[in-house]
C-alpha cells in the first residue's frame, strides 16, 4: 500500500478536527476527500505530509511512519497545499530549476522539460509566475510537486477558483497522474469527485 491510515485523530484542545479516520490507497488510485470547509480535509493532509503531528492513531506512506520516519515520508510525497506557495518574482523555468536543485534531480534540464510538457506550460515557461493566471499557477504548483517523481501526490483543493477550461485541464492532468501514482486530493465540490475511484 502507498498510504495507510489507522484511526488517525487530531485534536486542537477540546475540538476534534479529525476523528479516527482509516483507509488505504494503492498505486493507480485516486482518493478524494469530499466535505465542507472545516471538515478536516486539510488537517488530514497536513498530518500525512508531516506538517502536523497526530493526536493519536497512525499512518504510513510507502511503508514509512509519519511520526518516526518523517524525512522518508516527505521524500515519497509531492504536496500541493491549498494556498500554492510560489515565488512570484521568479520565471517559471527558473523556479522549476530552483526546485530541481532542492531535490538534487540528477538530470534537471531533462526533468524540467518533461514537466513543462506534461503540465502544458510550454508557452508560459519564460514568464514571471506573478504574471500567470491562477490556472497556470496551479500547473506550476503541480510541476514542482512532481519534480522528484514521488510515488504519492497530495493535492489540497487543486481546482479551487479555476475557470471551466482551466478546471478541465487540471482534472485531466490529475487523472493521468493517477494512472501510475497514488493521488489524494480534497474538494468541497461534488462535481470534482465524479471521476474518482474512492470517495471519503
N, C-alpha and C. Protein backbone atom coordinates (compact mmCIF):
# COMPACT_ATOMS: atom_id res chain seq x y z
N UNK A 1 0.83 -1.20 0.00
CA UNK A 1 0.00 0.00 0.00
C UNK A 1 0.87 1.26 0.00
N UNK A 2 0.49 2.26 -0.75
CA UNK A 2 1.23 3.51 -0.73
C UNK A 2 0.90 4.33 0.51
N UNK A 3 -0.39 4.35 0.89
CA UNK A 3 -0.82 5.14 2.03
C UNK A 3 -1.75 4.29 2.91
N UNK A 4 -1.45 4.26 4.20
CA UNK A 4 -2.28 3.53 5.16
C UNK A 4 -2.54 4.40 6.38
N UNK A 5 -3.81 4.62 6.68
CA UNK A 5 -4.19 5.36 7.88
C UNK A 5 -4.96 4.43 8.80
N UNK A 6 -4.66 4.50 10.10
CA UNK A 6 -5.33 3.67 11.08
C UNK A 6 -5.76 4.51 12.27
N UNK A 7 -7.06 4.80 12.32
CA UNK A 7 -7.65 5.57 13.43
C UNK A 7 -6.91 6.90 13.66
N UNK A 8 -6.52 7.56 12.58
CA UNK A 8 -5.78 8.81 12.69
C UNK A 8 -6.69 9.92 13.24
N UNK A 9 -6.23 10.56 14.31
CA UNK A 9 -7.05 11.55 15.01
C UNK A 9 -6.22 12.80 15.30
N UNK A 10 -6.87 13.96 15.18
CA UNK A 10 -6.22 15.22 15.53
C UNK A 10 -7.18 16.08 16.34
N UNK A 11 -6.70 16.51 17.50
CA UNK A 11 -7.48 17.40 18.36
C UNK A 11 -6.74 18.71 18.56
N UNK A 12 -7.52 19.78 18.61
CA UNK A 12 -6.99 21.09 18.99
C UNK A 12 -7.71 21.48 20.27
N UNK A 13 -7.07 21.22 21.40
CA UNK A 13 -7.75 21.43 22.67
C UNK A 13 -8.87 20.41 22.80
N UNK A 14 -10.07 20.90 23.02
CA UNK A 14 -11.24 20.02 23.14
C UNK A 14 -11.91 19.76 21.80
N UNK A 15 -11.46 20.45 20.76
CA UNK A 15 -12.08 20.31 19.45
C UNK A 15 -11.43 19.16 18.67
N UNK A 16 -12.27 18.26 18.17
CA UNK A 16 -11.78 17.15 17.35
C UNK A 16 -11.85 17.56 15.88
N UNK A 17 -10.69 17.72 15.26
CA UNK A 17 -10.64 18.13 13.85
C UNK A 17 -10.72 16.92 12.91
N UNK A 18 -10.08 15.83 13.30
CA UNK A 18 -10.11 14.58 12.54
C UNK A 18 -10.38 13.46 13.53
N UNK A 19 -11.41 12.68 13.27
CA UNK A 19 -11.89 11.72 14.27
C UNK A 19 -11.72 10.28 13.80
N UNK A 20 -10.55 9.71 14.07
CA UNK A 20 -10.32 8.28 13.83
C UNK A 20 -10.50 7.83 12.40
N UNK A 21 -9.87 8.51 11.45
CA UNK A 21 -10.02 8.14 10.04
C UNK A 21 -9.08 6.98 9.69
N UNK A 22 -9.60 6.01 8.95
CA UNK A 22 -8.82 4.86 8.50
C UNK A 22 -9.12 4.58 7.03
N UNK A 23 -8.09 4.38 6.24
CA UNK A 23 -8.27 3.93 4.86
C UNK A 23 -6.91 3.55 4.29
N UNK A 24 -6.93 2.89 3.15
CA UNK A 24 -5.71 2.58 2.42
C UNK A 24 -5.86 3.06 0.99
N UNK A 25 -4.75 3.43 0.37
CA UNK A 25 -4.74 3.86 -1.03
C UNK A 25 -3.53 3.24 -1.72
N UNK A 26 -3.77 2.63 -2.87
CA UNK A 26 -2.73 1.93 -3.59
C UNK A 26 -2.28 2.72 -4.83
N UNK A 27 -1.13 2.36 -5.40
CA UNK A 27 -0.71 2.99 -6.65
C UNK A 27 -1.79 2.80 -7.73
N UNK A 28 -2.03 3.84 -8.50
CA UNK A 28 -3.05 3.78 -9.53
C UNK A 28 -4.44 4.12 -9.04
N UNK A 29 -4.53 4.60 -7.78
CA UNK A 29 -5.82 5.01 -7.23
C UNK A 29 -5.85 6.51 -6.97
N UNK A 30 -7.00 7.10 -7.22
CA UNK A 30 -7.25 8.49 -6.87
C UNK A 30 -8.27 8.49 -5.75
N UNK A 31 -7.89 9.07 -4.63
CA UNK A 31 -8.77 9.12 -3.46
C UNK A 31 -9.16 10.57 -3.23
N UNK A 32 -10.47 10.81 -3.11
CA UNK A 32 -10.95 12.17 -2.91
C UNK A 32 -11.53 12.39 -1.53
N UNK A 33 -11.12 13.45 -0.88
CA UNK A 33 -11.77 13.90 0.35
C UNK A 33 -12.83 14.90 -0.03
N UNK A 34 -14.09 14.56 0.19
CA UNK A 34 -15.19 15.45 -0.12
C UNK A 34 -15.84 15.91 1.18
N UNK A 35 -15.94 17.22 1.35
CA UNK A 35 -16.58 17.73 2.56
C UNK A 35 -16.53 19.24 2.59
N UNK A 36 -17.35 19.85 3.44
CA UNK A 36 -17.37 21.31 3.54
C UNK A 36 -16.10 21.85 4.17
N UNK A 37 -15.91 23.15 4.08
CA UNK A 37 -14.78 23.77 4.75
C UNK A 37 -14.86 23.49 6.24
N UNK A 38 -13.74 23.14 6.84
CA UNK A 38 -13.72 22.84 8.26
C UNK A 38 -13.97 21.39 8.60
N UNK A 39 -14.08 20.54 7.58
CA UNK A 39 -14.38 19.12 7.83
C UNK A 39 -13.16 18.31 8.23
N UNK A 40 -11.97 18.87 8.10
CA UNK A 40 -10.74 18.17 8.48
C UNK A 40 -9.91 17.66 7.31
N UNK A 41 -10.28 18.05 6.09
CA UNK A 41 -9.55 17.57 4.91
C UNK A 41 -8.10 18.03 4.92
N UNK A 42 -7.91 19.33 5.07
CA UNK A 42 -6.54 19.88 5.06
C UNK A 42 -5.74 19.40 6.26
N UNK A 43 -6.40 19.26 7.40
CA UNK A 43 -5.71 18.78 8.61
C UNK A 43 -5.18 17.37 8.39
N UNK A 44 -5.99 16.51 7.77
CA UNK A 44 -5.54 15.15 7.46
C UNK A 44 -4.34 15.18 6.53
N UNK A 45 -4.39 16.03 5.51
CA UNK A 45 -3.29 16.13 4.57
C UNK A 45 -2.02 16.65 5.25
N UNK A 46 -2.17 17.58 6.16
CA UNK A 46 -1.00 18.10 6.88
C UNK A 46 -0.37 17.04 7.75
N UNK A 47 -1.18 16.15 8.31
CA UNK A 47 -0.61 15.04 9.07
C UNK A 47 0.13 14.07 8.15
N UNK A 48 -0.46 13.75 7.00
CA UNK A 48 0.17 12.82 6.07
C UNK A 48 1.49 13.35 5.53
N UNK A 49 1.59 14.68 5.41
CA UNK A 49 2.82 15.29 4.88
C UNK A 49 3.79 15.71 5.98
N UNK A 50 3.47 15.33 7.21
CA UNK A 50 4.35 15.58 8.36
C UNK A 50 4.46 17.05 8.75
N UNK A 51 3.49 17.85 8.38
CA UNK A 51 3.46 19.25 8.82
C UNK A 51 2.76 19.39 10.16
N UNK A 52 2.01 18.37 10.54
CA UNK A 52 1.28 18.40 11.80
C UNK A 52 1.27 16.99 12.39
N UNK A 53 1.51 16.88 13.69
CA UNK A 53 1.54 15.57 14.34
C UNK A 53 0.14 15.14 14.75
N UNK A 54 -0.17 13.87 14.57
CA UNK A 54 -1.49 13.39 15.02
C UNK A 54 -1.56 13.33 16.54
N UNK A 55 -2.78 13.44 17.06
CA UNK A 55 -3.00 13.27 18.49
C UNK A 55 -2.96 11.79 18.85
N UNK A 56 -3.53 10.96 17.98
CA UNK A 56 -3.49 9.51 18.18
C UNK A 56 -3.68 8.82 16.83
N UNK A 57 -3.54 7.51 16.84
CA UNK A 57 -3.63 6.76 15.60
C UNK A 57 -2.28 6.75 14.88
N UNK A 58 -2.26 6.19 13.70
CA UNK A 58 -1.01 6.07 12.95
C UNK A 58 -1.26 6.17 11.45
N UNK A 59 -0.18 6.43 10.72
CA UNK A 59 -0.26 6.46 9.27
C UNK A 59 1.11 6.14 8.69
N UNK A 60 1.10 5.47 7.55
CA UNK A 60 2.32 5.17 6.83
C UNK A 60 2.17 5.60 5.37
N UNK A 61 3.27 6.09 4.83
CA UNK A 61 3.33 6.46 3.41
C UNK A 61 4.48 5.69 2.80
N UNK A 62 4.18 4.83 1.84
CA UNK A 62 5.18 3.98 1.20
C UNK A 62 5.94 3.16 2.24
N UNK A 63 5.25 2.75 3.30
CA UNK A 63 5.85 1.93 4.33
C UNK A 63 6.55 2.69 5.43
N UNK A 64 6.63 4.02 5.30
CA UNK A 64 7.32 4.84 6.30
C UNK A 64 6.32 5.49 7.25
N UNK A 65 6.63 5.44 8.54
CA UNK A 65 5.76 6.00 9.56
C UNK A 65 5.86 7.52 9.58
N UNK A 66 4.72 8.21 9.62
CA UNK A 66 4.73 9.67 9.54
C UNK A 66 5.35 10.33 10.77
N UNK A 67 5.40 9.63 11.89
CA UNK A 67 5.96 10.23 13.10
C UNK A 67 7.43 9.90 13.30
N UNK A 68 7.84 8.70 12.96
CA UNK A 68 9.22 8.28 13.24
C UNK A 68 10.13 8.32 12.01
N UNK A 69 9.54 8.43 10.81
CA UNK A 69 10.34 8.43 9.58
C UNK A 69 9.90 9.56 8.65
N UNK A 70 9.75 10.73 9.25
CA UNK A 70 9.18 11.86 8.50
C UNK A 70 10.02 12.26 7.28
N UNK A 71 11.33 12.16 7.38
CA UNK A 71 12.18 12.53 6.23
C UNK A 71 11.90 11.62 5.04
N UNK A 72 11.75 10.33 5.29
CA UNK A 72 11.45 9.39 4.21
C UNK A 72 10.05 9.61 3.65
N UNK A 73 9.11 9.94 4.53
CA UNK A 73 7.74 10.23 4.08
C UNK A 73 7.74 11.43 3.15
N UNK A 74 8.42 12.49 3.56
CA UNK A 74 8.44 13.71 2.74
C UNK A 74 9.07 13.46 1.37
N UNK A 75 10.07 12.59 1.33
CA UNK A 75 10.73 12.28 0.05
C UNK A 75 9.80 11.51 -0.89
N UNK A 76 8.84 10.79 -0.31
CA UNK A 76 7.94 9.96 -1.12
C UNK A 76 6.70 10.71 -1.59
N UNK A 77 6.53 11.95 -1.09
CA UNK A 77 5.30 12.71 -1.36
C UNK A 77 5.58 13.95 -2.19
N UNK A 78 4.67 14.23 -3.10
CA UNK A 78 4.60 15.52 -3.77
C UNK A 78 3.38 16.24 -3.23
N UNK A 79 3.55 17.45 -2.72
CA UNK A 79 2.46 18.13 -2.00
C UNK A 79 2.14 19.47 -2.64
N UNK A 80 0.86 19.67 -2.93
CA UNK A 80 0.37 20.96 -3.40
C UNK A 80 -0.62 21.47 -2.37
N UNK A 81 -0.22 22.42 -1.50
CA UNK A 81 -1.14 22.95 -0.50
C UNK A 81 -2.26 23.77 -1.12
N UNK A 82 -3.26 24.07 -0.33
CA UNK A 82 -4.41 24.84 -0.84
C UNK A 82 -3.97 26.20 -1.34
N UNK A 83 -3.14 26.88 -0.58
CA UNK A 83 -2.61 28.18 -1.00
C UNK A 83 -1.21 27.95 -1.56
N UNK A 84 -1.16 27.83 -2.87
CA UNK A 84 0.02 27.43 -3.62
C UNK A 84 1.19 28.39 -3.37
N UNK A 85 2.22 27.99 -2.62
CA UNK A 85 3.31 28.92 -2.27
C UNK A 85 4.36 29.00 -3.38
N UNK A 86 4.27 30.00 -4.21
CA UNK A 86 5.21 30.17 -5.32
C UNK A 86 5.97 31.49 -5.18
N UNK A 87 7.17 31.53 -5.74
CA UNK A 87 7.94 32.78 -5.79
C UNK A 87 7.49 33.56 -7.02
N UNK A 88 6.64 34.54 -6.81
CA UNK A 88 6.00 35.23 -7.94
C UNK A 88 6.95 36.11 -8.74
N UNK A 89 8.12 36.42 -8.15
CA UNK A 89 9.08 37.25 -8.88
C UNK A 89 10.11 36.41 -9.64
N UNK A 90 9.88 35.11 -9.71
CA UNK A 90 10.75 34.23 -10.50
C UNK A 90 10.03 33.81 -11.78
N UNK A 91 10.82 33.51 -12.80
CA UNK A 91 10.25 32.98 -14.04
C UNK A 91 9.93 31.50 -13.85
N UNK A 92 8.97 31.01 -14.63
CA UNK A 92 8.51 29.62 -14.46
C UNK A 92 9.67 28.64 -14.54
N UNK A 93 10.44 28.71 -15.60
CA UNK A 93 11.53 27.74 -15.78
C UNK A 93 12.62 27.94 -14.72
N UNK A 94 12.85 29.18 -14.35
CA UNK A 94 13.82 29.48 -13.31
C UNK A 94 13.39 28.85 -11.97
N UNK A 95 12.12 29.00 -11.66
CA UNK A 95 11.58 28.43 -10.42
C UNK A 95 11.70 26.91 -10.41
N UNK A 96 11.36 26.28 -11.53
CA UNK A 96 11.44 24.83 -11.60
C UNK A 96 12.90 24.37 -11.48
N UNK A 97 13.83 25.16 -11.99
CA UNK A 97 15.25 24.86 -11.80
C UNK A 97 15.65 24.93 -10.34
N UNK A 98 15.11 25.91 -9.65
CA UNK A 98 15.35 26.06 -8.21
C UNK A 98 14.83 24.84 -7.45
N UNK A 99 13.62 24.40 -7.80
CA UNK A 99 13.03 23.22 -7.15
C UNK A 99 13.84 21.96 -7.45
N UNK A 100 14.30 21.84 -8.70
CA UNK A 100 15.12 20.69 -9.08
C UNK A 100 16.41 20.64 -8.26
N UNK A 101 16.97 21.82 -7.98
CA UNK A 101 18.18 21.88 -7.16
C UNK A 101 17.93 21.44 -5.74
N UNK A 102 16.79 21.82 -5.19
CA UNK A 102 16.44 21.41 -3.83
C UNK A 102 16.35 19.89 -3.74
N UNK A 103 15.74 19.28 -4.76
CA UNK A 103 15.56 17.83 -4.76
C UNK A 103 16.78 17.08 -5.32
N UNK A 104 17.79 17.82 -5.73
CA UNK A 104 19.01 17.23 -6.29
C UNK A 104 18.69 16.25 -7.43
N UNK A 105 17.84 16.72 -8.34
CA UNK A 105 17.47 15.92 -9.51
C UNK A 105 18.71 15.69 -10.37
N UNK A 106 18.92 14.45 -10.80
CA UNK A 106 20.17 14.09 -11.49
C UNK A 106 20.30 14.74 -12.86
N UNK A 107 19.20 14.83 -13.61
CA UNK A 107 19.22 15.47 -14.93
C UNK A 107 18.16 16.55 -14.94
N UNK A 108 18.45 17.69 -14.31
CA UNK A 108 17.42 18.72 -14.10
C UNK A 108 16.80 19.27 -15.38
N UNK A 109 17.60 19.56 -16.39
CA UNK A 109 17.06 20.15 -17.62
C UNK A 109 16.05 19.21 -18.28
N UNK A 110 16.40 17.91 -18.33
CA UNK A 110 15.51 16.92 -18.92
C UNK A 110 14.21 16.83 -18.13
N UNK A 111 14.33 16.78 -16.81
CA UNK A 111 13.13 16.64 -15.97
C UNK A 111 12.25 17.89 -16.06
N UNK A 112 12.86 19.06 -16.07
CA UNK A 112 12.09 20.31 -16.18
C UNK A 112 11.33 20.35 -17.49
N UNK A 113 11.99 19.97 -18.58
CA UNK A 113 11.32 19.97 -19.88
C UNK A 113 10.17 18.96 -19.93
N UNK A 114 10.36 17.81 -19.29
CA UNK A 114 9.29 16.81 -19.21
C UNK A 114 8.07 17.36 -18.49
N UNK A 115 8.32 18.04 -17.38
CA UNK A 115 7.23 18.58 -16.58
C UNK A 115 6.54 19.76 -17.26
N UNK A 116 7.29 20.56 -17.96
CA UNK A 116 6.72 21.68 -18.70
C UNK A 116 5.76 21.16 -19.77
N UNK A 117 6.19 20.10 -20.46
CA UNK A 117 5.32 19.50 -21.48
C UNK A 117 4.10 18.83 -20.83
N UNK A 118 4.33 18.10 -19.74
CA UNK A 118 3.25 17.38 -19.07
C UNK A 118 2.17 18.31 -18.54
N UNK A 119 2.58 19.46 -18.02
CA UNK A 119 1.64 20.39 -17.40
C UNK A 119 1.17 21.49 -18.35
N UNK A 120 1.61 21.46 -19.59
CA UNK A 120 1.15 22.45 -20.57
C UNK A 120 1.66 23.85 -20.32
N UNK A 121 2.91 23.95 -19.85
CA UNK A 121 3.49 25.26 -19.52
C UNK A 121 4.45 25.77 -20.60
N UNK A 122 4.43 25.14 -21.76
CA UNK A 122 5.39 25.50 -22.80
C UNK A 122 5.39 26.97 -23.16
N UNK A 123 4.22 27.56 -23.38
CA UNK A 123 4.14 28.97 -23.78
C UNK A 123 4.35 29.92 -22.61
N UNK A 124 4.30 29.39 -21.39
CA UNK A 124 4.41 30.24 -20.20
C UNK A 124 5.76 30.12 -19.50
N UNK A 125 6.63 29.24 -19.98
CA UNK A 125 7.84 28.91 -19.22
C UNK A 125 8.79 30.08 -19.02
N UNK A 126 8.74 31.08 -19.88
CA UNK A 126 9.64 32.23 -19.74
C UNK A 126 8.93 33.45 -19.17
N UNK A 127 7.77 33.25 -18.59
CA UNK A 127 7.02 34.35 -17.98
C UNK A 127 7.23 34.36 -16.47
N UNK A 128 7.04 35.54 -15.88
CA UNK A 128 7.07 35.64 -14.43
C UNK A 128 5.86 34.91 -13.85
N UNK A 129 6.07 34.19 -12.77
CA UNK A 129 4.96 33.47 -12.13
C UNK A 129 3.87 34.44 -11.71
N UNK A 130 4.27 35.61 -11.26
CA UNK A 130 3.30 36.62 -10.83
C UNK A 130 2.40 37.12 -11.94
N UNK A 131 2.80 36.90 -13.20
CA UNK A 131 2.01 37.37 -14.33
C UNK A 131 1.06 36.29 -14.85
N UNK A 132 1.10 35.10 -14.26
CA UNK A 132 0.28 33.99 -14.74
C UNK A 132 -1.12 34.03 -14.15
N UNK A 133 -2.07 33.43 -14.87
CA UNK A 133 -3.42 33.25 -14.33
C UNK A 133 -3.36 32.19 -13.22
N UNK A 134 -4.44 32.08 -12.45
CA UNK A 134 -4.46 31.10 -11.36
C UNK A 134 -4.33 29.69 -11.89
N UNK A 135 -4.94 29.42 -13.04
CA UNK A 135 -4.84 28.09 -13.63
C UNK A 135 -3.41 27.70 -13.95
N UNK A 136 -2.65 28.63 -14.51
CA UNK A 136 -1.26 28.33 -14.83
C UNK A 136 -0.39 28.28 -13.59
N UNK A 137 -0.74 29.05 -12.56
CA UNK A 137 -0.01 28.93 -11.30
C UNK A 137 -0.22 27.56 -10.69
N UNK A 138 -1.45 27.03 -10.83
CA UNK A 138 -1.70 25.67 -10.34
C UNK A 138 -0.86 24.65 -11.10
N UNK A 139 -0.68 24.87 -12.38
CA UNK A 139 0.15 23.97 -13.18
C UNK A 139 1.60 24.02 -12.70
N UNK A 140 2.08 25.22 -12.39
CA UNK A 140 3.44 25.36 -11.86
C UNK A 140 3.54 24.63 -10.52
N UNK A 141 2.51 24.77 -9.68
CA UNK A 141 2.49 24.09 -8.40
C UNK A 141 2.52 22.57 -8.56
N UNK A 142 1.77 22.07 -9.53
CA UNK A 142 1.78 20.63 -9.80
C UNK A 142 3.14 20.18 -10.32
N UNK A 143 3.75 21.00 -11.16
CA UNK A 143 5.08 20.65 -11.69
C UNK A 143 6.11 20.57 -10.56
N UNK A 144 6.06 21.53 -9.62
CA UNK A 144 7.03 21.48 -8.52
C UNK A 144 6.75 20.28 -7.61
N UNK A 145 5.47 19.93 -7.44
CA UNK A 145 5.13 18.78 -6.60
C UNK A 145 5.61 17.47 -7.20
N UNK A 146 5.71 17.43 -8.53
CA UNK A 146 6.10 16.20 -9.22
C UNK A 146 7.58 16.15 -9.57
N UNK A 147 8.32 17.20 -9.24
CA UNK A 147 9.71 17.31 -9.68
C UNK A 147 10.54 16.07 -9.34
N UNK A 148 10.42 15.55 -8.14
CA UNK A 148 11.25 14.41 -7.71
C UNK A 148 10.57 13.07 -7.99
N UNK A 149 9.53 13.08 -8.83
CA UNK A 149 8.82 11.88 -9.25
C UNK A 149 8.35 11.06 -8.05
N UNK A 150 7.56 11.68 -7.16
CA UNK A 150 7.12 10.98 -5.95
C UNK A 150 6.10 9.88 -6.25
N UNK A 151 6.01 8.92 -5.35
CA UNK A 151 5.03 7.85 -5.51
C UNK A 151 3.62 8.30 -5.15
N UNK A 152 3.54 9.30 -4.27
CA UNK A 152 2.26 9.78 -3.76
C UNK A 152 2.13 11.28 -4.00
N UNK A 153 0.98 11.70 -4.52
CA UNK A 153 0.68 13.12 -4.69
C UNK A 153 -0.47 13.50 -3.78
N UNK A 154 -0.28 14.55 -3.00
CA UNK A 154 -1.32 15.05 -2.11
C UNK A 154 -1.65 16.47 -2.53
N UNK A 155 -2.88 16.68 -2.99
CA UNK A 155 -3.29 17.94 -3.59
C UNK A 155 -4.48 18.51 -2.83
N UNK A 156 -4.29 19.65 -2.21
CA UNK A 156 -5.33 20.26 -1.38
C UNK A 156 -6.08 21.31 -2.19
N UNK A 157 -7.33 21.03 -2.52
CA UNK A 157 -8.18 21.94 -3.31
C UNK A 157 -7.47 22.38 -4.60
N UNK A 158 -6.99 21.46 -5.42
CA UNK A 158 -6.20 21.85 -6.60
C UNK A 158 -7.00 22.56 -7.69
N UNK A 159 -8.33 22.46 -7.67
CA UNK A 159 -9.14 23.08 -8.73
C UNK A 159 -9.93 24.29 -8.23
N UNK A 160 -9.67 24.72 -7.02
CA UNK A 160 -10.43 25.83 -6.44
C UNK A 160 -10.18 27.13 -7.20
N UNK A 161 -11.26 27.79 -7.60
CA UNK A 161 -11.16 29.11 -8.23
C UNK A 161 -10.77 29.12 -9.69
N UNK A 162 -10.78 27.96 -10.35
CA UNK A 162 -10.40 27.90 -11.76
C UNK A 162 -11.61 28.08 -12.66
N UNK A 163 -11.37 28.65 -13.85
CA UNK A 163 -12.47 28.78 -14.80
C UNK A 163 -12.70 27.41 -15.47
N UNK A 164 -13.83 27.24 -16.20
CA UNK A 164 -14.17 25.91 -16.74
C UNK A 164 -13.08 25.27 -17.60
N UNK A 165 -12.40 26.06 -18.44
CA UNK A 165 -11.34 25.49 -19.28
C UNK A 165 -10.16 25.02 -18.44
N UNK A 166 -9.75 25.86 -17.49
CA UNK A 166 -8.64 25.50 -16.62
C UNK A 166 -9.00 24.28 -15.78
N UNK A 167 -10.23 24.25 -15.33
CA UNK A 167 -10.73 23.16 -14.50
C UNK A 167 -10.62 21.83 -15.22
N UNK A 168 -11.04 21.81 -16.46
CA UNK A 168 -10.99 20.59 -17.25
C UNK A 168 -9.56 20.12 -17.48
N UNK A 169 -8.66 21.07 -17.76
CA UNK A 169 -7.26 20.72 -17.99
C UNK A 169 -6.62 20.11 -16.75
N UNK A 170 -6.86 20.73 -15.59
CA UNK A 170 -6.27 20.24 -14.35
C UNK A 170 -6.85 18.87 -13.99
N UNK A 171 -8.16 18.70 -14.20
CA UNK A 171 -8.79 17.40 -13.95
C UNK A 171 -8.13 16.31 -14.79
N UNK A 172 -7.94 16.59 -16.07
CA UNK A 172 -7.34 15.60 -16.96
C UNK A 172 -5.91 15.27 -16.53
N UNK A 173 -5.17 16.28 -16.10
CA UNK A 173 -3.81 16.06 -15.65
C UNK A 173 -3.79 15.17 -14.40
N UNK A 174 -4.68 15.45 -13.46
CA UNK A 174 -4.76 14.64 -12.24
C UNK A 174 -5.12 13.19 -12.58
N UNK A 175 -6.07 13.01 -13.51
CA UNK A 175 -6.46 11.66 -13.91
C UNK A 175 -5.29 10.92 -14.55
N UNK A 176 -4.50 11.61 -15.36
CA UNK A 176 -3.33 11.00 -15.98
C UNK A 176 -2.31 10.59 -14.93
N UNK A 177 -2.05 11.47 -13.98
CA UNK A 177 -1.10 11.16 -12.91
C UNK A 177 -1.57 9.98 -12.08
N UNK A 178 -2.89 9.89 -11.88
CA UNK A 178 -3.45 8.83 -11.07
C UNK A 178 -3.40 7.45 -11.68
N UNK A 179 -2.99 7.37 -12.94
CA UNK A 179 -2.89 6.06 -13.58
C UNK A 179 -1.72 5.25 -13.01
N UNK A 180 -0.68 5.94 -12.52
CA UNK A 180 0.50 5.25 -12.02
C UNK A 180 0.79 5.56 -10.55
N UNK A 181 0.39 6.73 -10.11
CA UNK A 181 0.70 7.16 -8.75
C UNK A 181 -0.52 7.05 -7.85
N UNK A 182 -0.29 7.17 -6.56
CA UNK A 182 -1.39 7.32 -5.61
C UNK A 182 -1.66 8.81 -5.49
N UNK A 183 -2.88 9.22 -5.79
CA UNK A 183 -3.25 10.63 -5.72
C UNK A 183 -4.35 10.81 -4.68
N UNK A 184 -4.12 11.71 -3.75
CA UNK A 184 -5.14 12.06 -2.76
C UNK A 184 -5.42 13.54 -2.93
N UNK A 185 -6.68 13.89 -3.19
CA UNK A 185 -6.97 15.32 -3.27
C UNK A 185 -8.29 15.65 -2.60
N UNK A 186 -8.40 16.91 -2.19
CA UNK A 186 -9.57 17.34 -1.45
C UNK A 186 -10.38 18.34 -2.25
N UNK A 187 -11.68 18.38 -1.96
CA UNK A 187 -12.57 19.36 -2.58
C UNK A 187 -13.84 19.45 -1.74
N UNK A 188 -14.55 20.56 -1.89
CA UNK A 188 -15.86 20.68 -1.26
C UNK A 188 -16.95 20.73 -2.32
N UNK A 189 -16.57 20.41 -3.58
CA UNK A 189 -17.50 20.48 -4.71
C UNK A 189 -17.78 19.06 -5.21
N UNK A 190 -19.04 18.66 -5.20
CA UNK A 190 -19.42 17.30 -5.57
C UNK A 190 -18.96 16.93 -6.98
N UNK A 191 -19.06 17.88 -7.93
CA UNK A 191 -18.71 17.56 -9.31
C UNK A 191 -17.25 17.14 -9.47
N UNK A 192 -16.41 17.56 -8.52
CA UNK A 192 -14.98 17.26 -8.62
C UNK A 192 -14.66 15.79 -8.37
N UNK A 193 -15.59 15.05 -7.79
CA UNK A 193 -15.28 13.68 -7.43
C UNK A 193 -15.91 12.65 -8.38
N UNK A 194 -16.56 13.12 -9.43
CA UNK A 194 -17.28 12.19 -10.32
C UNK A 194 -16.35 11.17 -10.98
N UNK A 195 -15.08 11.54 -11.19
CA UNK A 195 -14.16 10.62 -11.86
C UNK A 195 -13.28 9.87 -10.88
N UNK A 196 -13.50 10.01 -9.59
CA UNK A 196 -12.63 9.38 -8.60
C UNK A 196 -13.02 7.94 -8.36
N UNK A 197 -12.02 7.15 -7.99
CA UNK A 197 -12.24 5.73 -7.71
C UNK A 197 -12.89 5.55 -6.35
N UNK A 198 -12.38 6.29 -5.32
CA UNK A 198 -12.84 6.14 -3.95
C UNK A 198 -13.14 7.53 -3.42
N UNK A 199 -14.20 7.68 -2.65
CA UNK A 199 -14.55 8.97 -2.08
C UNK A 199 -14.76 8.83 -0.58
N UNK A 200 -14.10 9.71 0.20
CA UNK A 200 -14.29 9.72 1.66
C UNK A 200 -15.02 10.99 2.04
